[in-house]
Amino acid sequence: MNFRSWIKKTQIGRIVWRVIIGVIGGGITVAGAVALLGPGPGILILLAGLGILATEFAWAGRVMMHTKRIAAKAAEKTGMKPWVKYFLISGGAVVSIIAIFIYHSR
C-alpha cells in the first residue's frame, strides 16, 4: 500500500490529501503566473502546477487542456517547421547551459 492510498482511507485523510495537493499545486501555479510577468519559463511552471492540481481537481485538468490548446495554436501560427522549433529550443538550452557554466566558473 502506498502513502497516497494509506492517507485516503478515511474521509479526513482525503480532505487532508486534497488540501496538501491544493497548496503545493496552487503555489507552483502562482509561481508560474509570476514567472509569466518576470523572467522565467512561466507557461511551463504554470502547466506543472495545473498538472499537480489536476491529479485531484477536475477543473484543473480542464484548464490545463485549454491552456495546451491555446499554446498549440500559437505555435502553429509561427509557421515554422517542427524540426526548426526543436533546433532553436535545443540550441537555446545548450547556450544557456554554457552561459551558466561560464558564469559560475568566474
Protein backbone atom coordinates (compact mmCIF):
# COMPACT_ATOMS: atom_id res chain seq x y z
CA MET A 1 0.00 0.00 0.00
CA ASN A 2 1.47 3.34 -1.00
CA PHE A 3 1.28 6.55 1.03
CA ARG A 4 -1.49 8.04 -1.12
CA SER A 5 -3.76 5.02 -0.67
CA TRP A 6 -2.99 4.87 3.04
CA ILE A 7 -3.84 8.52 3.71
CA LYS A 8 -7.00 8.43 1.56
CA LYS A 9 -8.54 5.52 3.52
CA THR A 10 -10.55 7.89 5.74
CA GLN A 11 -12.65 10.98 5.00
CA ILE A 12 -10.30 13.22 6.98
CA GLY A 13 -7.34 11.72 5.11
CA ARG A 14 -8.96 12.51 1.75
CA ILE A 15 -9.56 16.11 2.82
CA VAL A 16 -6.00 16.46 4.13
CA TRP A 17 -4.64 15.00 0.88
CA ARG A 18 -6.67 17.43 -1.24
CA VAL A 19 -5.51 20.36 0.90
CA ILE A 20 -1.86 19.28 0.55
CA ILE A 21 -2.20 18.90 -3.23
CA GLY A 22 -4.07 22.21 -3.41
CA VAL A 23 -1.36 24.08 -1.50
CA ILE A 24 1.53 22.57 -3.47
CA GLY A 25 -0.15 22.83 -6.88
CA GLY A 26 -1.55 26.28 -6.12
CA GLY A 27 1.86 27.54 -5.02
CA ILE A 28 3.53 26.28 -8.17
CA THR A 29 0.73 27.73 -10.31
CA VAL A 30 1.10 31.12 -8.64
CA ALA A 31 4.87 30.96 -9.16
CA GLY A 32 4.21 30.24 -12.84
CA ALA A 33 1.88 33.21 -13.10
CA VAL A 34 4.58 35.42 -11.56
CA ALA A 35 7.15 33.98 -13.97
CA LEU A 36 4.87 34.94 -16.87
CA LEU A 37 5.37 38.58 -15.90
CA GLY A 38 9.00 38.27 -14.87
CA PRO A 39 11.92 36.25 -16.16
CA GLY A 40 11.50 32.54 -16.41
CA PRO A 41 9.58 29.80 -18.21
CA GLY A 42 6.20 30.91 -16.90
CA ILE A 43 3.95 28.76 -19.07
CA LEU A 44 5.88 25.59 -18.21
CA ILE A 45 5.73 26.30 -14.49
CA LEU A 46 2.06 27.19 -14.79
CA LEU A 47 1.31 23.90 -16.58
CA ALA A 48 3.29 21.96 -13.98
CA GLY A 49 1.20 23.49 -11.20
CA LEU A 50 -2.01 22.77 -13.07
CA GLY A 51 -0.82 19.21 -13.67
CA ILE A 52 -0.35 18.71 -9.94
CA LEU A 53 -3.77 20.20 -9.23
CA ALA A 54 -5.34 18.03 -11.96
CA THR A 55 -4.44 14.89 -10.01
CA GLU A 56 -7.19 15.80 -7.53
CA PHE A 57 -9.34 18.52 -9.11
CA ALA A 58 -11.22 18.04 -12.40
CA TRP A 59 -11.42 21.79 -13.10
CA ALA A 60 -7.62 22.00 -13.16
CA GLY A 61 -7.48 19.28 -15.81
CA ARG A 62 -9.93 21.19 -18.00
CA VAL A 63 -7.97 24.43 -17.57
CA MET A 64 -4.71 22.64 -18.36
CA MET A 65 -6.09 21.16 -21.57
CA HIS A 66 -7.48 24.55 -22.61
CA THR A 67 -4.08 26.15 -21.99
CA LYS A 68 -2.35 23.45 -24.04
CA ARG A 69 -4.74 24.07 -26.95
CA ILE A 70 -4.01 27.80 -26.85
CA ALA A 71 -0.26 27.13 -26.79
CA ALA A 72 -0.55 24.70 -29.72
CA LYS A 73 -2.49 27.27 -31.77
CA ALA A 74 0.14 29.91 -31.00
CA ALA A 75 2.89 27.51 -32.05
CA GLU A 76 1.09 26.77 -35.32
CA LYS A 77 0.83 30.49 -36.09
CA THR A 78 4.62 30.83 -36.16
CA GLY A 79 4.68 28.95 -39.47
CA MET A 80 7.96 27.21 -38.64
CA LYS A 81 8.50 23.55 -39.29
CA PRO A 82 8.70 21.40 -36.15
CA TRP A 83 12.35 20.49 -36.64
CA VAL A 84 13.28 24.20 -36.74
CA LYS A 85 11.47 24.80 -33.45
CA TYR A 86 13.21 21.82 -31.83
CA PHE A 87 16.58 23.00 -33.12
CA LEU A 88 16.02 26.52 -31.75
CA ILE A 89 14.86 25.20 -28.38
CA SER A 90 17.75 22.75 -28.03
CA GLY A 91 20.23 25.39 -29.21
CA GLY A 92 18.89 27.84 -26.67
CA ALA A 93 19.18 25.23 -23.93
CA VAL A 94 22.80 24.48 -24.87
CA VAL A 95 23.70 28.18 -24.96
CA SER A 96 22.02 28.67 -21.58
CA ILE A 97 23.91 25.77 -20.02
CA ILE A 98 27.23 27.07 -21.39
CA ALA A 99 26.45 30.57 -20.10
CA ILE A 100 25.65 29.16 -16.64
CA PHE A 101 28.94 27.23 -16.57
CA ILE A 102 30.90 30.31 -17.61
CA TYR A 103 29.09 32.47 -15.06
CA HIS A 104 29.72 30.04 -12.19
CA SER A 105 33.34 29.42 -13.12
CA ARG A 106 34.17 33.11 -12.57
